[in-house]
């Protein structure tokens, strides 16, 4: 449904199910978890059914459309898609959300810098608890693995590639490994020396690289004499999002924000070297916005479809620049990268016809 410039998704379902799903989505929105945003609920006068209204997730694709548009070159994106599914389930489980019907079909995907981010769409069977038991997490993960295998196998059959059915099962099993690796990373307890401040900083930086802010750091006696146990509590995956918005006002996804913050830091370092003076973060951010980011967006805006995600297009230019520089054995510069990217049609999988 279109209302002015806003798009909404409508879903008709039995009243009690619609009410439940609406409340779950409201909780996910409040906790800043990756899911479609609820807008409202229209109930039938006879109390039998209702229509759930959610905001349309801009620049998103279903897994079928994403992988079909990528064709034979989809391997890196398939890998990122599987990472995204595992990460989404970790985020939900950390928030006390039992999905209940986790699958590729109930998920939307957006390119997020050099990654893909997954968003929960269907919350009919979801439950929100203060925390989840090991059994709840294990069962939810098992359902995800089975459904991912089915989704990938179904896509292979649809495309007439029966030889990929075994591959689909193996790829689905890898989601279990990816989930457990990320879960263990977030909940690891590290043993360190009493004066090893470097280890504490390294642990925080590692979590920041994954997009998580650190809320609390606890040190307590370890299992061995003279050792301490380091335990950290992490928040939602919005570390770079908040840093970028605070410095520049730009709203982006986490992966996009990480790439833009790196670009901003590199430009500030170059300015300090070129102008032979130090520059604070706010001044560096203002110069980057004025000299680099906004002029690049202006060129992209005039050359690509209005529905494209401009922030992602900027990230694509930086990726294109890196590839050109790697091939040339030197930094080719942003201007050459922009011209080359536009010359080849500013490619993006979400902009390609199926």
C-alpha atoms as a PDB file:
ATOM      1  CA  UNK A   1       0.000   0.000   0.000  1.00  0.00           C
ATOM      2  CA  UNK A   2       1.288   3.464  -0.947  1.00  0.00           C
ATOM      3  CA  UNK A   3       0.528   6.532   1.225  1.00  0.00           C
ATOM      4  CA  UNK A   4       2.209   9.587  -0.213  1.00  0.00           C
ATOM      5  CA  UNK A   5       5.902   8.752  -0.237  1.00  0.00           C
ATOM      6  CA  UNK A   6       5.541   5.930   2.293  1.00  0.00           C
ATOM      7  CA  UNK A   7       5.005   2.276   1.469  1.00  0.00           C
ATOM      8  CA  UNK A   8       3.297  -0.174   3.799  1.00  0.00           C
ATOM      9  CA  UNK A   9       2.968  -3.942   3.809  1.00  0.00           C
ATOM     10  CA  UNK A  10      -0.443  -5.399   4.685  1.00  0.00           C
ATOM     11  CA  UNK A  11      -0.996  -8.878   6.101  1.00  0.00           C
ATOM     12  CA  UNK A  12      -4.434 -10.367   6.766  1.00  0.00           C
ATOM     13  CA  UNK A  13      -4.638 -13.022   9.480  1.00  0.00           C
ATOM     14  CA  UNK A  14      -6.861 -14.236  12.346  1.00  0.00           C
ATOM     15  CA  UNK A  15      -7.374 -11.568  14.985  1.00  0.00           C
ATOM     16  CA  UNK A  16      -5.551 -13.204  17.913  1.00  0.00           C
ATOM     17  CA  UNK A  17      -2.555 -14.095  15.738  1.00  0.00           C
ATOM     18  CA  UNK A  18      -2.420 -10.554  14.346  1.00  0.00           C
ATOM     19  CA  UNK A  19      -2.556  -9.047  17.837  1.00  0.00           C
ATOM     20  CA  UNK A  20       0.228 -11.339  19.012  1.00  0.00           C
ATOM     21  CA  UNK A  21       2.444 -10.592  16.017  1.00  0.00           C
ATOM     22  CA  UNK A  22       1.886  -6.858  16.394  1.00  0.00           C
ATOM     23  CA  UNK A  23       2.939  -6.924  20.048  1.00  0.00           C
ATOM     24  CA  UNK A  24       6.042  -8.986  19.272  1.00  0.00           C
ATOM     25  CA  UNK A  25       7.082  -6.581  16.505  1.00  0.00           C
ATOM     26  CA  UNK A  26       6.548  -3.621  18.845  1.00  0.00           C
ATOM     27  CA  UNK A  27       8.880  -5.241  21.375  1.00  0.00           C
ATOM     28  CA  UNK A  28      11.517  -5.910  18.708  1.00  0.00           C
ATOM     29  CA  UNK A  29      11.311  -2.284  17.578  1.00  0.00           C
ATOM     30  CA  UNK A  30      11.698  -1.030  21.149  1.00  0.00           C
ATOM     31  CA  UNK A  31      14.766  -3.237  21.628  1.00  0.00           C
ATOM     32  CA  UNK A  32      16.274  -2.102  18.289  1.00  0.00           C
ATOM     33  CA  UNK A  33      16.329  -5.634  16.932  1.00  0.00           C
ATOM     34  CA  UNK A  34      16.383  -6.225  13.152  1.00  0.00           C
ATOM     35  CA  UNK A  35      12.764  -6.666  12.078  1.00  0.00           C
ATOM     36  CA  UNK A  36      10.116  -4.892  10.055  1.00  0.00           C
ATOM     37  CA  UNK A  37       8.547  -1.986  11.942  1.00  0.00           C
ATOM     38  CA  UNK A  38       4.890  -2.275  13.019  1.00  0.00           C
ATOM     39  CA  UNK A  39       2.601   0.612  12.110  1.00  0.00           C
ATOM     40  CA  UNK A  40      -0.854  -0.486  13.227  1.00  0.00           C
ATOM     41  CA  UNK A  41      -3.570  -3.092  13.369  1.00  0.00           C
ATOM     42  CA  UNK A  42      -6.969  -2.864  11.642  1.00  0.00           C
ATOM     43  CA  UNK A  43      -9.476  -5.238  13.220  1.00  0.00           C
ATOM     44  CA  UNK A  44     -12.601  -6.512  11.442  1.00  0.00           C
ATOM     45  CA  UNK A  45     -15.919  -5.412  13.060  1.00  0.00           C
ATOM     46  CA  UNK A  46     -16.922  -9.022  13.708  1.00  0.00           C
ATOM     47  CA  UNK A  47     -13.653  -9.696  15.571  1.00  0.00           C
ATOM     48  CA  UNK A  48     -12.648 -12.597  13.338  1.00  0.00           C
ATOM     49  CA  UNK A  49      -9.696 -11.195  11.407  1.00  0.00           C
ATOM     50  CA  UNK A  50      -7.341  -8.238  11.285  1.00  0.00           C
ATOM     51  CA  UNK A  51      -4.851  -6.602   8.960  1.00  0.00           C
ATOM     52  CA  UNK A  52      -1.345  -6.072  10.314  1.00  0.00           C
ATOM     53  CA  UNK A  53       0.320  -2.968   8.860  1.00  0.00           C
ATOM     54  CA  UNK A  54       4.118  -2.725   8.790  1.00  0.00           C
ATOM     55  CA  UNK A  55       6.487  -0.272   7.144  1.00  0.00           C
ATOM     56  CA  UNK A  56       7.903  -1.462   3.847  1.00  0.00           C
ATOM     57  CA  UNK A  57      11.606  -2.227   4.306  1.00  0.00           C
ATOM     58  CA  UNK A  58      13.296  -0.056   1.698  1.00  0.00           C
ATOM     59  CA  UNK A  59      16.057  -1.493  -0.517  1.00  0.00           C
ATOM     60  CA  UNK A  60      15.323  -5.033   0.676  1.00  0.00           C
ATOM     61  CA  UNK A  61      15.044  -8.276  -1.270  1.00  0.00           C
ATOM     62  CA  UNK A  62      13.807 -11.776  -0.613  1.00  0.00           C
ATOM     63  CA  UNK A  63      16.515 -14.443  -0.775  1.00  0.00           C
ATOM     64  CA  UNK A  64      15.209 -15.861  -4.071  1.00  0.00           C
ATOM     65  CA  UNK A  65      15.393 -12.540  -5.878  1.00  0.00           C
ATOM     66  CA  UNK A  66      18.778 -11.703  -4.409  1.00  0.00           C
ATOM     67  CA  UNK A  67      20.424 -15.013  -5.351  1.00  0.00           C
ATOM     68  CA  UNK A  68      18.709 -15.237  -8.738  1.00  0.00           C
ATOM     69  CA  UNK A  69      19.941 -11.778  -9.664  1.00  0.00           C
ATOM     70  CA  UNK A  70      23.493 -12.770  -8.791  1.00  0.00           C
ATOM     71  CA  UNK A  71      23.489 -15.901 -10.958  1.00  0.00           C
ATOM     72  CA  UNK A  72      26.759 -17.810 -11.244  1.00  0.00           C
ATOM     73  CA  UNK A  73      28.661 -15.151  -9.311  1.00  0.00           C
ATOM     74  CA  UNK A  74      26.583 -15.551  -6.186  1.00  0.00           C
ATOM     75  CA  UNK A  75      29.037 -17.541  -4.036  1.00  0.00           C
ATOM     76  CA  UNK A  76      30.349 -14.595  -1.973  1.00  0.00           C
ATOM     77  CA  UNK A  77      26.822 -13.280  -1.489  1.00  0.00           C
ATOM     78  CA  UNK A  78      25.484 -16.719  -0.541  1.00  0.00           C
ATOM     79  CA  UNK A  79      28.182 -16.820   2.122  1.00  0.00           C
ATOM     80  CA  UNK A  80      27.201 -13.372   3.389  1.00  0.00           C
ATOM     81  CA  UNK A  81      23.537 -14.348   3.339  1.00  0.00           C
ATOM     82  CA  UNK A  82      24.239 -17.358   5.558  1.00  0.00           C
ATOM     83  CA  UNK A  83      26.250 -15.148   7.916  1.00  0.00           C
ATOM     84  CA  UNK A  84      23.282 -12.764   8.010  1.00  0.00           C
ATOM     85  CA  UNK A  85      20.856 -15.537   8.976  1.00  0.00           C
ATOM     86  CA  UNK A  86      23.128 -16.743  11.765  1.00  0.00           C
ATOM     87  CA  UNK A  87      23.666 -13.176  13.017  1.00  0.00           C
ATOM     88  CA  UNK A  88      19.943 -12.419  12.991  1.00  0.00           C
ATOM     89  CA  UNK A  89      19.179 -15.473  15.113  1.00  0.00           C
ATOM     90  CA  UNK A  90      21.981 -14.573  17.549  1.00  0.00           C
ATOM     91  CA  UNK A  91      20.620 -11.032  17.881  1.00  0.00           C
ATOM     92  CA  UNK A  92      17.091 -12.297  18.503  1.00  0.00           C
ATOM     93  CA  UNK A  93      18.192 -14.927  21.030  1.00  0.00           C
ATOM     94  CA  UNK A  94      20.285 -12.386  22.944  1.00  0.00           C
ATOM     95  CA  UNK A  95      17.137 -10.243  23.125  1.00  0.00           C
ATOM     96  CA  UNK A  96      15.111 -13.134  24.567  1.00  0.00           C
ATOM     97  CA  UNK A  97      13.205 -13.725  21.313  1.00  0.00           C
ATOM     98  CA  UNK A  98      12.269 -17.265  20.334  1.00  0.00           C
ATOM     99  CA  UNK A  99      11.511 -17.034  16.593  1.00  0.00           C
ATOM    100  CA  UNK A 100       9.743 -20.360  16.175  1.00  0.00           C
ATOM    101  CA  UNK A 101       9.604 -20.317  12.375  1.00  0.00           C
ATOM    102  CA  UNK A 102      12.992 -19.007  11.311  1.00  0.00           C
ATOM    103  CA  UNK A 103      13.527 -19.462   7.588  1.00  0.00           C
ATOM    104  CA  UNK A 104      14.780 -17.717   4.498  1.00  0.00           C
ATOM    105  CA  UNK A 105      11.175 -17.176   3.394  1.00  0.00           C
ATOM    106  CA  UNK A 106      10.372 -15.246   6.596  1.00  0.00           C
ATOM    107  CA  UNK A 107      13.361 -12.947   6.197  1.00  0.00           C
ATOM    108  CA  UNK A 108      14.228  -9.884   4.130  1.00  0.00           C
ATOM    109  CA  UNK A 109      17.786  -8.961   3.192  1.00  0.00           C
ATOM    110  CA  UNK A 110      19.593  -5.686   2.578  1.00  0.00           C
ATOM    111  CA  UNK A 111      23.133  -5.175   1.387  1.00  0.00           C
ATOM    112  CA  UNK A 112      25.004  -3.539   4.243  1.00  0.00           C
ATOM    113  CA  UNK A 113      28.369  -2.272   3.084  1.00  0.00           C
ATOM    114  CA  UNK A 114      30.438  -5.374   2.365  1.00  0.00           C
ATOM    115  CA  UNK A 115      27.958  -7.560   4.230  1.00  0.00           C
ATOM    116  CA  UNK A 116      24.267  -8.470   4.118  1.00  0.00           C
ATOM    117  CA  UNK A 117      21.842  -7.758   6.944  1.00  0.00           C
ATOM    118  CA  UNK A 118      18.806  -9.938   7.602  1.00  0.00           C
ATOM    119  CA  UNK A 119      15.496  -8.702   9.033  1.00  0.00           C
ATOM    120  CA  UNK A 120      12.721 -10.773  10.594  1.00  0.00           C
ATOM    121  CA  UNK A 121       9.446 -10.386   8.687  1.00  0.00           C
ATOM    122  CA  UNK A 122       7.083 -13.016  10.071  1.00  0.00           C
ATOM    123  CA  UNK A 123       6.610 -13.124  13.855  1.00  0.00           C
ATOM    124  CA  UNK A 124       3.394 -15.179  14.060  1.00  0.00           C
ATOM    125  CA  UNK A 125       5.040 -17.931  16.124  1.00  0.00           C
ATOM    126  CA  UNK A 126       7.572 -15.745  17.935  1.00  0.00           C
ATOM    127  CA  UNK A 127       7.726 -15.400  21.708  1.00  0.00           C
ATOM    128  CA  UNK A 128       9.522 -12.834  23.839  1.00  0.00           C
ATOM    129  CA  UNK A 129      11.052 -13.947  27.155  1.00  0.00           C
ATOM    130  CA  UNK A 130      13.439 -12.364  29.674  1.00  0.00           C
ATOM    131  CA  UNK A 131      15.989 -14.881  28.363  1.00  0.00           C
ATOM    132  CA  UNK A 132      16.038 -18.161  26.458  1.00  0.00           C
ATOM    133  CA  UNK A 133      17.078 -21.576  27.722  1.00  0.00           C
ATOM    134  CA  UNK A 134      19.740 -23.647  25.962  1.00  0.00           C
ATOM    135  CA  UNK A 135      16.953 -25.946  24.783  1.00  0.00           C
ATOM    136  CA  UNK A 136      14.948 -23.107  23.235  1.00  0.00           C
ATOM    137  CA  UNK A 137      17.995 -21.769  21.429  1.00  0.00           C
ATOM    138  CA  UNK A 138      18.995 -25.226  20.188  1.00  0.00           C
ATOM    139  CA  UNK A 139      15.520 -25.993  18.856  1.00  0.00           C
ATOM    140  CA  UNK A 140      15.219 -22.618  17.121  1.00  0.00           C
ATOM    141  CA  UNK A 141      18.628 -23.148  15.527  1.00  0.00           C
ATOM    142  CA  UNK A 142      17.645 -26.639  14.363  1.00  0.00           C
ATOM    143  CA  UNK A 143      14.523 -25.223  12.711  1.00  0.00           C
ATOM    144  CA  UNK A 144      16.641 -22.565  11.004  1.00  0.00           C
ATOM    145  CA  UNK A 145      19.132 -25.098   9.620  1.00  0.00           C
ATOM    146  CA  UNK A 146      16.338 -27.304   8.249  1.00  0.00           C
ATOM    147  CA  UNK A 147      14.477 -24.394   6.693  1.00  0.00           C
ATOM    148  CA  UNK A 148      17.595 -22.887   5.119  1.00  0.00           C
ATOM    149  CA  UNK A 149      18.390 -26.269   3.580  1.00  0.00           C
ATOM    150  CA  UNK A 150      14.864 -26.465   2.201  1.00  0.00           C
ATOM    151  CA  UNK A 151      14.977 -22.888   0.863  1.00  0.00           C
ATOM    152  CA  UNK A 152      18.305 -23.321  -0.928  1.00  0.00           C
ATOM    153  CA  UNK A 153      17.338 -26.755  -2.291  1.00  0.00           C
ATOM    154  CA  UNK A 154      14.020 -25.367  -3.518  1.00  0.00           C
ATOM    155  CA  UNK A 155      15.837 -22.542  -5.310  1.00  0.00           C
ATOM    156  CA  UNK A 156      18.280 -25.009  -6.911  1.00  0.00           C
ATOM    157  CA  UNK A 157      15.372 -27.161  -8.126  1.00  0.00           C
ATOM    158  CA  UNK A 158      13.548 -24.101  -9.472  1.00  0.00           C
ATOM    159  CA  UNK A 159      16.640 -23.127 -11.457  1.00  0.00           C
ATOM    160  CA  UNK A 160      17.112 -26.679 -12.738  1.00  0.00           C
ATOM    161  CA  UNK A 161      20.365 -27.267 -10.845  1.00  0.00           C
ATOM    162  CA  UNK A 162      19.672 -30.599  -9.167  1.00  0.00           C
ATOM    163  CA  UNK A 163      23.411 -31.150  -8.685  1.00  0.00           C
ATOM    164  CA  UNK A 164      23.387 -28.392  -6.019  1.00  0.00           C
ATOM    165  CA  UNK A 165      20.987 -30.147  -3.641  1.00  0.00           C
ATOM    166  CA  UNK A 166      23.788 -31.668  -1.563  1.00  0.00           C
ATOM    167  CA  UNK A 167      25.537 -28.303  -1.528  1.00  0.00           C
ATOM    168  CA  UNK A 168      22.370 -26.703  -0.156  1.00  0.00           C
ATOM    169  CA  UNK A 169      22.360 -29.103   2.795  1.00  0.00           C
ATOM    170  CA  UNK A 170      26.042 -28.441   3.528  1.00  0.00           C
ATOM    171  CA  UNK A 171      25.522 -24.677   3.337  1.00  0.00           C
ATOM    172  CA  UNK A 172      22.572 -24.889   5.700  1.00  0.00           C
ATOM    173  CA  UNK A 173      24.649 -26.874   8.200  1.00  0.00           C
ATOM    174  CA  UNK A 174      27.253 -24.102   8.082  1.00  0.00           C
ATOM    175  CA  UNK A 175      24.654 -21.740   9.591  1.00  0.00           C
ATOM    176  CA  UNK A 176      24.834 -23.786  12.785  1.00  0.00           C
ATOM    177  CA  UNK A 177      28.615 -23.331  12.883  1.00  0.00           C
ATOM    178  CA  UNK A 178      28.354 -19.614  12.158  1.00  0.00           C
ATOM    179  CA  UNK A 179      25.726 -19.148  14.884  1.00  0.00           C
ATOM    180  CA  UNK A 180      27.760 -20.977  17.508  1.00  0.00           C
ATOM    181  CA  UNK A 181      30.967 -19.141  16.613  1.00  0.00           C
ATOM    182  CA  UNK A 182      29.315 -15.727  17.007  1.00  0.00           C
ATOM    183  CA  UNK A 183      27.456 -16.732  20.164  1.00  0.00           C
ATOM    184  CA  UNK A 184      30.684 -18.021  21.741  1.00  0.00           C
ATOM    185  CA  UNK A 185      32.524 -14.852  20.716  1.00  0.00           C
ATOM    186  CA  UNK A 186      29.958 -12.680  22.482  1.00  0.00           C
ATOM    187  CA  UNK A 187      29.851 -14.802  25.625  1.00  0.00           C
ATOM    188  CA  UNK A 188      33.509 -15.777  25.954  1.00  0.00           C
ATOM    189  CA  UNK A 189      35.222 -15.405  29.324  1.00  0.00           C
ATOM    190  CA  UNK A 190      38.903 -14.631  28.833  1.00  0.00           C
ATOM    191  CA  UNK A 191      41.647 -15.433  31.364  1.00  0.00           C
ATOM    192  CA  UNK A 192      44.295 -12.704  31.600  1.00  0.00           C
ATOM    193  CA  UNK A 193      47.028 -11.407  33.823  1.00  0.00           C
ATOM    194  CA  UNK A 194      46.149  -8.868  36.501  1.00  0.00           C
ATOM    195  CA  UNK A 195      48.117  -6.109  34.728  1.00  0.00           C
ATOM    196  CA  UNK A 196      47.246  -7.037  31.135  1.00  0.00           C
ATOM    197  CA  UNK A 197      45.305  -3.962  30.074  1.00  0.00           C
ATOM    198  CA  UNK A 198      46.111  -4.646  26.419  1.00  0.00           C
ATOM    199  CA  UNK A 199      43.999  -7.810  26.491  1.00  0.00           C
ATOM    200  CA  UNK A 200      41.021  -5.848  27.816  1.00  0.00           C
ATOM    201  CA  UNK A 201      41.360  -3.246  25.077  1.00  0.00           C
ATOM    202  CA  UNK A 202      41.811  -5.905  22.400  1.00  0.00           C
ATOM    203  CA  UNK A 203      38.636  -7.683  23.534  1.00  0.00           C
ATOM    204  CA  UNK A 204      36.640  -4.448  23.391  1.00  0.00           C
ATOM    205  CA  UNK A 205      38.014  -3.585  19.927  1.00  0.00           C
ATOM    206  CA  UNK A 206      37.130  -7.055  18.644  1.00  0.00           C
ATOM    207  CA  UNK A 207      33.536  -6.625  19.804  1.00  0.00           C
ATOM    208  CA  UNK A 208      33.399  -3.109  18.343  1.00  0.00           C
ATOM    209  CA  UNK A 209      34.597  -4.502  15.000  1.00  0.00           C
ATOM    210  CA  UNK A 210      31.605  -6.854  15.085  1.00  0.00           C
ATOM    211  CA  UNK A 211      29.375  -3.818  15.628  1.00  0.00           C
ATOM    212  CA  UNK A 212      28.689  -4.233  19.352  1.00  0.00           C
ATOM    213  CA  UNK A 213      29.127  -1.570  22.000  1.00  0.00           C
ATOM    214  CA  UNK A 214      30.422  -2.724  25.361  1.00  0.00           C
ATOM    215  CA  UNK A 215      28.060  -1.897  28.206  1.00  0.00           C
ATOM    216  CA  UNK A 216      29.933  -3.377  31.186  1.00  0.00           C
ATOM    217  CA  UNK A 217      33.356  -4.903  31.866  1.00  0.00           C
ATOM    218  CA  UNK A 218      33.753  -7.267  34.815  1.00  0.00           C
ATOM    219  CA  UNK A 219      37.017  -8.607  36.227  1.00  0.00           C
ATOM    220  CA  UNK A 220      36.947 -11.347  38.846  1.00  0.00           C
ATOM    221  CA  UNK A 221      39.431 -13.941  40.146  1.00  0.00           C
ATOM    222  CA  UNK A 222      40.204 -16.612  37.561  1.00  0.00           C
ATOM    223  CA  UNK A 223      40.722 -20.343  37.810  1.00  0.00           C
ATOM    224  CA  UNK A 224      44.476 -19.973  38.145  1.00  0.00           C
ATOM    225  CA  UNK A 225      46.527 -18.020  40.686  1.00  0.00           C
ATOM    226  CA  UNK A 226      47.385 -14.517  39.543  1.00  0.00           C
ATOM    227  CA  UNK A 227      44.811 -14.630  36.729  1.00  0.00           C
ATOM    228  CA  UNK A 228      41.598 -12.667  36.260  1.00  0.00           C
ATOM    229  CA  UNK A 229      38.480 -13.631  34.349  1.00  0.00           C
ATOM    230  CA  UNK A 230      37.292 -10.979  31.909  1.00  0.00           C
ATOM    231  CA  UNK A 231      33.576 -10.851  31.181  1.00  0.00           C
ATOM    232  CA  UNK A 232      31.947  -8.151  29.053  1.00  0.00           C
ATOM    233  CA  UNK A 233      28.280  -7.288  28.489  1.00  0.00           C
ATOM    234  CA  UNK A 234      27.492  -6.084  24.982  1.00  0.00           C
ATOM    235  CA  UNK A 235      24.557  -4.080  23.652  1.00  0.00           C
ATOM    236  CA  UNK A 236      22.844  -4.279  20.276  1.00  0.00           C
ATOM    237  CA  UNK A 237      24.836  -4.187  17.054  1.00  0.00           C
ATOM    238  CA  UNK A 238      24.849  -0.414  16.545  1.00  0.00           C
ATOM    239  CA  UNK A 239      28.353   0.727  17.551  1.00  0.00           C
ATOM    240  CA  UNK A 240      29.376   2.302  14.240  1.00  0.00           C
ATOM    241  CA  UNK A 241      25.812   3.473  13.495  1.00  0.00           C
ATOM    242  CA  UNK A 242      25.811   5.680  16.581  1.00  0.00           C
ATOM    243  CA  UNK A 243      29.384   6.894  16.060  1.00  0.00           C
ATOM    244  CA  UNK A 244      28.700   7.894  12.449  1.00  0.00           C
ATOM    245  CA  UNK A 245      25.397   9.617  13.191  1.00  0.00           C
ATOM    246  CA  UNK A 246      26.873  11.545  16.117  1.00  0.00           C
ATOM    247  CA  UNK A 247      29.761  12.855  13.983  1.00  0.00           C
ATOM    248  CA  UNK A 248      28.023  13.409  10.652  1.00  0.00           C
ATOM    249  CA  UNK A 249      24.262  13.044  11.007  1.00  0.00           C
ATOM    250  CA  UNK A 250      24.306  10.247   8.430  1.00  0.00           C
ATOM    251  CA  UNK A 251      21.929   7.352   9.098  1.00  0.00           C
ATOM    252  CA  UNK A 252      23.200   4.014   7.854  1.00  0.00           C
ATOM    253  CA  UNK A 253      23.207   0.313   8.573  1.00  0.00           C
ATOM    254  CA  UNK A 254      25.974  -1.054  10.796  1.00  0.00           C
ATOM    255  CA  UNK A 255      28.171  -2.418   8.011  1.00  0.00           C
ATOM    256  CA  UNK A 256      27.758   0.732   5.956  1.00  0.00           C
ATOM    257  CA  UNK A 257      28.571   2.886   8.976  1.00  0.00           C
ATOM    258  CA  UNK A 258      31.746   0.881   9.664  1.00  0.00           C
ATOM    259  CA  UNK A 259      32.966   1.450   6.099  1.00  0.00           C
ATOM    260  CA  UNK A 260      32.090   5.156   6.151  1.00  0.00           C
ATOM    261  CA  UNK A 261      33.816   5.667   9.498  1.00  0.00           C
ATOM    262  CA  UNK A 262      36.973   4.033   8.120  1.00  0.00           C
ATOM    263  CA  UNK A 263      36.821   6.301   5.062  1.00  0.00           C
ATOM    264  CA  UNK A 264      36.334   9.341   7.285  1.00  0.00           C
ATOM    265  CA  UNK A 265      39.307   8.405   9.495  1.00  0.00           C
ATOM    266  CA  UNK A 266      41.564   7.848   6.496  1.00  0.00           C
ATOM    267  CA  UNK A 267      40.607  11.216   5.023  1.00  0.00           C
ATOM    268  CA  UNK A 268      41.244  13.011   8.315  1.00  0.00           C
ATOM    269  CA  UNK A 269      44.659  11.339   8.611  1.00  0.00           C
ATOM    270  CA  UNK A 270      45.483  12.477   5.063  1.00  0.00           C
ATOM    271  CA  UNK A 271      44.372  16.040   5.872  1.00  0.00           C
ATOM    272  CA  UNK A 272      46.571  16.114   8.965  1.00  0.00           C
ATOM    273  CA  UNK A 273      49.560  14.949   6.922  1.00  0.00           C
ATOM    274  CA  UNK A 274      48.866  17.285   3.975  1.00  0.00           C
ATOM    275  CA  UNK A 275      48.127  20.365   6.081  1.00  0.00           C
ATOM    276  CA  UNK A 276      50.766  19.492   8.694  1.00  0.00           C
ATOM    277  CA  UNK A 277      48.479  20.026  11.683  1.00  0.00           C
ATOM    278  CA  UNK A 278      46.318  17.983  13.998  1.00  0.00           C
ATOM    279  CA  UNK A 279      42.561  18.004  13.513  1.00  0.00           C
ATOM    280  CA  UNK A 280      39.866  16.994  15.978  1.00  0.00           C
ATOM    281  CA  UNK A 281      37.238  14.415  15.026  1.00  0.00           C
ATOM    282  CA  UNK A 282      34.403  16.896  14.536  1.00  0.00           C
ATOM    283  CA  UNK A 283      36.439  19.111  12.199  1.00  0.00           C
ATOM    284  CA  UNK A 284      37.656  16.092  10.256  1.00  0.00           C
ATOM    285  CA  UNK A 285      34.108  14.805   9.888  1.00  0.00           C
ATOM    286  CA  UNK A 286      32.885  18.183   8.615  1.00  0.00           C
ATOM    287  CA  UNK A 287      35.660  18.338   6.008  1.00  0.00           C
ATOM    288  CA  UNK A 288      34.989  14.761   4.870  1.00  0.00           C
ATOM    289  CA  UNK A 289      31.280  15.504   4.476  1.00  0.00           C
ATOM    290  CA  UNK A 290      31.905  18.690   2.496  1.00  0.00           C
ATOM    291  CA  UNK A 291      34.889  17.588   0.401  1.00  0.00           C
ATOM    292  CA  UNK A 292      34.250  13.889  -0.205  1.00  0.00           C
ATOM    293  CA  UNK A 293      30.935  12.346   0.806  1.00  0.00           C
ATOM    294  CA  UNK A 294      28.403  14.935  -0.351  1.00  0.00           C
ATOM    295  CA  UNK A 295      30.040  15.614  -3.763  1.00  0.00           C
ATOM    296  CA  UNK A 296      30.243  11.864  -4.419  1.00  0.00           C
ATOM    297  CA  UNK A 297      26.591  11.367  -3.500  1.00  0.00           C
ATOM    298  CA  UNK A 298      25.614  14.222  -5.830  1.00  0.00           C
ATOM    299  CA  UNK A 299      27.311  12.453  -8.754  1.00  0.00           C
ATOM    300  CA  UNK A 300      25.774   9.107  -7.872  1.00  0.00           C
ATOM    301  CA  UNK A 301      22.316  10.600  -7.362  1.00  0.00           C
ATOM    302  CA  UNK A 302      22.260  11.962 -10.915  1.00  0.00           C
ATOM    303  CA  UNK A 303      23.353   8.646 -12.426  1.00  0.00           C
ATOM    304  CA  UNK A 304      21.458   5.884 -10.616  1.00  0.00           C
ATOM    305  CA  UNK A 305      17.809   5.024 -10.106  1.00  0.00           C
ATOM    306  CA  UNK A 306      15.998   7.021  -7.455  1.00  0.00           C
ATOM    307  CA  UNK A 307      15.099   3.834  -5.557  1.00  0.00           C
ATOM    308  CA  UNK A 308      18.737   2.880  -4.977  1.00  0.00           C
ATOM    309  CA  UNK A 309      20.288   3.174  -1.524  1.00  0.00           C
ATOM    310  CA  UNK A 310      22.765   6.046  -1.936  1.00  0.00           C
ATOM    311  CA  UNK A 311      24.732   5.136   1.180  1.00  0.00           C
ATOM    312  CA  UNK A 312      25.223   1.623  -0.172  1.00  0.00           C
ATOM    313  CA  UNK A 313      26.158   3.049  -3.579  1.00  0.00           C
ATOM    314  CA  UNK A 314      28.913   5.076  -1.879  1.00  0.00           C
ATOM    315  CA  UNK A 315      30.154   1.889  -0.203  1.00  0.00           C
ATOM    316  CA  UNK A 316      30.110   0.185  -3.616  1.00  0.00           C
ATOM    317  CA  UNK A 317      32.303   2.955  -5.026  1.00  0.00           C
ATOM    318  CA  UNK A 318      34.807   2.417  -2.215  1.00  0.00           C
ATOM    319  CA  UNK A 319      34.789  -1.335  -2.931  1.00  0.00           C
ATOM    320  CA  UNK A 320      35.304  -0.612  -6.642  1.00  0.00           C
ATOM    321  CA  UNK A 321      38.185   1.734  -5.754  1.00  0.00           C
ATOM    322  CA  UNK A 322      39.821  -1.004  -3.686  1.00  0.00           C
ATOM    323  CA  UNK A 323      39.546  -3.506  -6.547  1.00  0.00           C
ATOM    324  CA  UNK A 324      40.991  -1.035  -9.068  1.00  0.00           C
ATOM    325  CA  UNK A 325      43.829  -0.133  -6.677  1.00  0.00           C
ATOM    326  CA  UNK A 326      44.633  -3.794  -6.034  1.00  0.00           C
ATOM    327  CA  UNK A 327      44.840  -4.433  -9.771  1.00  0.00           C
ATOM    328  CA  UNK A 328      46.991  -1.337 -10.361  1.00  0.00           C
ATOM    329  CA  UNK A 329      49.225  -1.974  -7.368  1.00  0.00           C
ATOM    330  CA  UNK A 330      48.609   1.563  -6.077  1.00  0.00           C
ATOM    331  CA  UNK A 331      45.814   3.810  -4.847  1.00  0.00           C
ATOM    332  CA  UNK A 332      43.973   4.949  -7.969  1.00  0.00           C
ATOM    333  CA  UNK A 333      42.064   7.678  -6.120  1.00  0.00           C
ATOM    334  CA  UNK A 334      38.375   8.301  -5.570  1.00  0.00           C
ATOM    335  CA  UNK A 335      37.828  10.349  -8.750  1.00  0.00           C
ATOM    336  CA  UNK A 336      38.985   7.546 -11.035  1.00  0.00           C
ATOM    337  CA  UNK A 337      36.951   5.012  -9.054  1.00  0.00           C
ATOM    338  CA  UNK A 338      33.746   7.070  -9.383  1.00  0.00           C
ATOM    339  CA  UNK A 339      34.242   7.553 -13.120  1.00  0.00           C
ATOM    340  CA  UNK A 340      34.943   3.856 -13.634  1.00  0.00           C
ATOM    341  CA  UNK A 341      31.986   2.777 -11.499  1.00  0.00           C
ATOM    342  CA  UNK A 342      29.587   4.987 -13.420  1.00  0.00           C
ATOM    343  CA  UNK A 343      31.082   3.935 -16.759  1.00  0.00           C
ATOM    344  CA  UNK A 344      30.229   0.278 -16.106  1.00  0.00           C
ATOM    345  CA  UNK A 345      26.664   1.191 -15.188  1.00  0.00           C
ATOM    346  CA  UNK A 346      26.916   1.539 -11.384  1.00  0.00           C
ATOM    347  CA  UNK A 347      26.188  -2.177 -10.865  1.00  0.00           C
ATOM    348  CA  UNK A 348      24.345  -3.541  -7.821  1.00  0.00           C
ATOM    349  CA  UNK A 349      22.503  -6.842  -7.442  1.00  0.00           C
ATOM    350  CA  UNK A 350      19.334  -5.176  -6.198  1.00  0.00           C
ATOM    351  CA  UNK A 351      19.305  -3.022  -9.361  1.00  0.00           C
ATOM    352  CA  UNK A 352      19.701  -5.932 -11.791  1.00  0.00           C
ATOM    353  CA  UNK A 353      16.695  -7.489 -13.533  1.00  0.00           C
ATOM    354  CA  UNK A 354      15.834 -11.070 -12.612  1.00  0.00           C
END
